Amino acid sequence: PNDANLLKLDVSPCDSDRCILKRGSHVSITIKFKALTDVDAGGHKVEHGERILVLLPQNGLCIHMNPSCPIKTGVEYIYSYSGTVPNTAE
């Protein structure tokens, strides 16, 4: 099932629907979406046979989100990232 509706996707430098990014080149990605479910910035661990929620620091995905985590149902978010395409990308 989908947990988000994609509203807009921009990849730069791209000027068509299909895009080839070159290793070592600069890329900017912006994704606008509407959340269809709540998502917490956390993970789980098993302790004494039970799953326990472990809250993680706001890093990774969360630092690129506006508004930031946690993700709430019905809210529109923008994920933005700029960086270099890794030389190991395939």
N, C-alpha and C. Protein backbone atom coordinates (compact mmCIF):
# COMPACT_ATOMS: atom_id res chain seq x y z
N PRO A 1 0.83 -1.20 0.00
CA PRO A 1 0.00 0.00 0.00
C PRO A 1 0.87 1.26 0.00
N ASN A 2 0.34 2.31 -0.59
CA ASN A 2 1.05 3.59 -0.60
C ASN A 2 0.84 4.30 0.72
N ASP A 3 1.91 4.83 1.28
CA ASP A 3 1.82 5.59 2.51
C ASP A 3 1.96 7.08 2.27
N ALA A 4 2.04 7.47 0.97
CA ALA A 4 2.15 8.88 0.61
C ALA A 4 1.68 9.09 -0.82
N ASN A 5 1.16 10.29 -1.09
CA ASN A 5 0.83 10.69 -2.45
C ASN A 5 1.93 11.60 -2.95
N LEU A 6 2.55 11.25 -4.07
CA LEU A 6 3.57 12.10 -4.68
C LEU A 6 2.88 13.29 -5.33
N LEU A 7 3.26 14.49 -4.95
CA LEU A 7 2.66 15.70 -5.50
C LEU A 7 3.56 16.35 -6.55
N LYS A 8 4.89 16.26 -6.34
CA LYS A 8 5.82 16.87 -7.28
C LYS A 8 7.21 16.27 -7.08
N LEU A 9 7.94 16.09 -8.18
CA LEU A 9 9.31 15.58 -8.13
C LEU A 9 10.16 16.41 -9.08
N ASP A 10 11.22 17.01 -8.55
CA ASP A 10 12.16 17.78 -9.36
C ASP A 10 13.56 17.22 -9.15
N VAL A 11 14.25 16.96 -10.25
CA VAL A 11 15.64 16.53 -10.21
C VAL A 11 16.42 17.48 -11.12
N SER A 12 17.47 18.07 -10.58
CA SER A 12 18.26 19.02 -11.36
C SER A 12 19.71 18.57 -11.36
N PRO A 13 20.40 18.51 -12.46
CA PRO A 13 20.04 19.08 -13.75
C PRO A 13 19.32 18.06 -14.64
N CYS A 14 18.04 18.18 -14.78
CA CYS A 14 17.24 17.34 -15.68
C CYS A 14 16.18 18.22 -16.30
N ASP A 15 15.97 18.04 -17.59
CA ASP A 15 14.93 18.82 -18.26
C ASP A 15 13.97 17.94 -19.04
N SER A 16 13.93 16.65 -18.68
CA SER A 16 12.98 15.74 -19.32
C SER A 16 12.53 14.71 -18.29
N ASP A 17 11.55 13.89 -18.66
CA ASP A 17 11.03 12.89 -17.73
C ASP A 17 12.07 11.81 -17.42
N ARG A 18 12.94 11.54 -18.37
CA ARG A 18 13.99 10.54 -18.16
C ARG A 18 15.32 11.27 -18.01
N CYS A 19 16.12 10.88 -17.03
CA CYS A 19 17.33 11.62 -16.71
C CYS A 19 18.46 10.66 -16.36
N ILE A 20 19.64 10.95 -16.86
CA ILE A 20 20.83 10.17 -16.50
C ILE A 20 21.75 11.08 -15.71
N LEU A 21 22.05 10.67 -14.48
CA LEU A 21 22.96 11.43 -13.63
C LEU A 21 24.34 10.82 -13.72
N LYS A 22 25.35 11.66 -13.88
CA LYS A 22 26.73 11.19 -14.02
C LYS A 22 27.42 11.13 -12.67
N ARG A 23 28.19 10.07 -12.44
CA ARG A 23 28.96 9.94 -11.21
C ARG A 23 29.85 11.16 -11.02
N GLY A 24 29.92 11.65 -9.80
CA GLY A 24 30.75 12.80 -9.48
C GLY A 24 30.12 14.15 -9.79
N SER A 25 28.93 14.14 -10.41
CA SER A 25 28.26 15.41 -10.73
C SER A 25 27.36 15.85 -9.57
N HIS A 26 27.02 17.12 -9.56
CA HIS A 26 26.16 17.67 -8.52
C HIS A 26 24.70 17.42 -8.90
N VAL A 27 23.87 17.07 -7.92
CA VAL A 27 22.45 16.83 -8.15
C VAL A 27 21.64 17.48 -7.03
N SER A 28 20.48 17.99 -7.39
CA SER A 28 19.51 18.51 -6.42
C SER A 28 18.19 17.79 -6.64
N ILE A 29 17.61 17.29 -5.55
CA ILE A 29 16.35 16.54 -5.63
C ILE A 29 15.36 17.18 -4.67
N THR A 30 14.15 17.44 -5.16
CA THR A 30 13.07 17.95 -4.32
C THR A 30 11.84 17.07 -4.55
N ILE A 31 11.29 16.55 -3.47
CA ILE A 31 10.10 15.70 -3.53
C ILE A 31 9.03 16.31 -2.64
N LYS A 32 7.88 16.61 -3.21
CA LYS A 32 6.74 17.10 -2.42
C LYS A 32 5.72 15.97 -2.35
N PHE A 33 5.29 15.65 -1.13
CA PHE A 33 4.33 14.56 -0.96
C PHE A 33 3.38 14.86 0.19
N LYS A 34 2.25 14.14 0.17
CA LYS A 34 1.27 14.22 1.26
C LYS A 34 1.25 12.87 1.95
N ALA A 35 1.49 12.88 3.27
CA ALA A 35 1.54 11.64 4.05
C ALA A 35 0.14 11.05 4.22
N LEU A 36 0.04 9.75 4.05
CA LEU A 36 -1.23 9.04 4.25
C LEU A 36 -1.23 8.23 5.54
N THR A 37 -0.11 8.27 6.26
CA THR A 37 0.01 7.58 7.55
C THR A 37 1.06 8.28 8.39
N ASP A 38 0.99 8.11 9.69
CA ASP A 38 2.00 8.68 10.59
C ASP A 38 3.28 7.84 10.51
N VAL A 39 4.43 8.52 10.55
CA VAL A 39 5.73 7.85 10.57
C VAL A 39 6.58 8.52 11.63
N ASP A 40 7.09 7.73 12.58
CA ASP A 40 7.98 8.26 13.61
C ASP A 40 9.42 8.04 13.21
N ALA A 41 10.30 8.92 13.67
CA ALA A 41 11.74 8.75 13.45
C ALA A 41 12.25 7.80 14.52
N GLY A 42 12.13 6.54 14.25
CA GLY A 42 12.54 5.56 15.25
C GLY A 42 12.73 4.20 14.63
N GLY A 43 13.16 3.30 15.43
CA GLY A 43 13.36 1.94 15.00
C GLY A 43 12.88 1.02 16.11
N HIS A 44 13.14 -0.24 15.95
CA HIS A 44 12.72 -1.22 16.95
C HIS A 44 13.88 -2.11 17.33
N LYS A 45 13.85 -2.59 18.54
CA LYS A 45 14.79 -3.62 18.97
C LYS A 45 13.98 -4.67 19.72
N VAL A 46 14.54 -5.86 19.80
CA VAL A 46 13.88 -6.94 20.53
C VAL A 46 14.62 -7.12 21.85
N GLU A 47 13.85 -7.03 22.93
CA GLU A 47 14.43 -7.21 24.26
C GLU A 47 13.52 -8.14 25.05
N HIS A 48 14.07 -9.23 25.55
CA HIS A 48 13.30 -10.24 26.29
C HIS A 48 12.11 -10.74 25.47
N GLY A 49 12.32 -10.88 24.15
CA GLY A 49 11.28 -11.41 23.29
C GLY A 49 10.20 -10.42 22.89
N GLU A 50 10.33 -9.16 23.27
CA GLU A 50 9.32 -8.15 22.92
C GLU A 50 9.94 -7.04 22.09
N ARG A 51 9.16 -6.55 21.10
CA ARG A 51 9.61 -5.43 20.26
C ARG A 51 9.44 -4.14 21.03
N ILE A 52 10.48 -3.33 21.06
CA ILE A 52 10.45 -2.06 21.77
C ILE A 52 10.83 -0.94 20.81
N LEU A 53 10.05 0.14 20.79
CA LEU A 53 10.35 1.30 19.95
C LEU A 53 11.57 2.02 20.50
N VAL A 54 12.50 2.31 19.62
CA VAL A 54 13.71 3.06 19.99
C VAL A 54 13.70 4.35 19.19
N LEU A 55 13.59 5.50 19.86
CA LEU A 55 13.61 6.77 19.15
C LEU A 55 15.03 7.08 18.71
N LEU A 56 15.16 7.49 17.46
CA LEU A 56 16.47 7.81 16.90
C LEU A 56 16.63 9.32 16.80
N PRO A 57 17.86 9.82 16.79
CA PRO A 57 18.04 11.26 16.62
C PRO A 57 17.54 11.70 15.26
N GLN A 58 17.14 12.97 15.14
CA GLN A 58 16.64 13.48 13.86
C GLN A 58 17.83 13.71 12.94
N ASN A 59 18.12 12.70 12.16
CA ASN A 59 19.19 12.81 11.18
C ASN A 59 18.72 12.10 9.92
N GLY A 60 19.61 11.84 9.01
CA GLY A 60 19.23 11.13 7.81
C GLY A 60 18.13 11.87 7.07
N LEU A 61 17.01 11.24 6.89
CA LEU A 61 15.88 11.80 6.16
C LEU A 61 15.32 13.05 6.83
N CYS A 62 15.21 13.04 8.13
CA CYS A 62 14.52 14.12 8.85
C CYS A 62 15.16 15.49 8.65
N ILE A 63 16.49 15.56 8.54
CA ILE A 63 17.12 16.88 8.40
C ILE A 63 16.88 17.49 7.02
N HIS A 64 16.37 16.70 6.09
CA HIS A 64 16.08 17.20 4.74
C HIS A 64 14.59 17.47 4.53
N MET A 65 13.78 17.36 5.59
CA MET A 65 12.33 17.49 5.47
C MET A 65 11.84 18.84 5.98
N ASN A 66 10.80 19.36 5.33
CA ASN A 66 10.14 20.57 5.81
C ASN A 66 8.63 20.38 5.64
N PRO A 67 7.85 20.40 6.72
CA PRO A 67 8.27 20.43 8.11
C PRO A 67 9.04 19.17 8.46
N SER A 68 9.74 19.19 9.59
CA SER A 68 10.60 18.08 9.99
C SER A 68 9.77 16.93 10.58
N CYS A 69 10.45 15.86 10.93
CA CYS A 69 9.82 14.68 11.52
C CYS A 69 9.24 15.01 12.89
N PRO A 70 8.25 14.29 13.38
CA PRO A 70 7.67 13.10 12.77
C PRO A 70 6.70 13.46 11.65
N ILE A 71 6.48 12.50 10.76
CA ILE A 71 5.57 12.68 9.63
C ILE A 71 4.16 12.36 10.11
N LYS A 72 3.22 13.26 9.83
CA LYS A 72 1.84 13.11 10.29
C LYS A 72 0.87 12.98 9.11
N THR A 73 -0.12 12.14 9.27
CA THR A 73 -1.14 11.91 8.25
C THR A 73 -1.79 13.21 7.80
N GLY A 74 -1.93 13.37 6.47
CA GLY A 74 -2.63 14.52 5.91
C GLY A 74 -1.78 15.76 5.71
N VAL A 75 -0.54 15.75 6.17
CA VAL A 75 0.33 16.92 6.07
C VAL A 75 1.18 16.80 4.80
N GLU A 76 1.39 17.95 4.11
CA GLU A 76 2.27 17.98 2.94
C GLU A 76 3.70 18.28 3.40
N TYR A 77 4.65 17.55 2.82
CA TYR A 77 6.07 17.68 3.17
C TYR A 77 6.89 17.91 1.92
N ILE A 78 8.02 18.57 2.10
CA ILE A 78 8.99 18.73 1.03
C ILE A 78 10.33 18.17 1.51
N TYR A 79 10.83 17.20 0.75
CA TYR A 79 12.15 16.62 1.00
C TYR A 79 13.09 17.25 0.00
N SER A 80 14.18 17.86 0.47
CA SER A 80 15.16 18.50 -0.41
C SER A 80 16.54 17.97 -0.10
N TYR A 81 17.28 17.63 -1.15
CA TYR A 81 18.65 17.15 -0.98
C TYR A 81 19.51 17.65 -2.13
N SER A 82 20.69 18.13 -1.82
CA SER A 82 21.68 18.51 -2.82
C SER A 82 22.99 17.85 -2.44
N GLY A 83 23.67 17.30 -3.43
CA GLY A 83 24.94 16.65 -3.16
C GLY A 83 25.57 16.12 -4.43
N THR A 84 26.61 15.36 -4.26
CA THR A 84 27.34 14.78 -5.38
C THR A 84 26.91 13.34 -5.58
N VAL A 85 26.69 12.96 -6.83
CA VAL A 85 26.36 11.57 -7.15
C VAL A 85 27.60 10.73 -6.84
N PRO A 86 27.49 9.73 -5.96
CA PRO A 86 28.66 8.93 -5.58
C PRO A 86 29.30 8.24 -6.79
N ASN A 87 30.61 8.11 -6.76
CA ASN A 87 31.32 7.41 -7.83
C ASN A 87 30.98 5.93 -7.86
N THR A 88 30.36 5.43 -6.79
CA THR A 88 29.97 4.01 -6.73
C THR A 88 28.53 3.79 -7.19
N ALA A 89 27.82 4.86 -7.57
CA ALA A 89 26.41 4.74 -7.98
C ALA A 89 26.31 3.93 -9.27
N GLU A 90 25.24 3.14 -9.35
CA GLU A 90 24.97 2.35 -10.56
C GLU A 90 23.63 2.70 -11.12
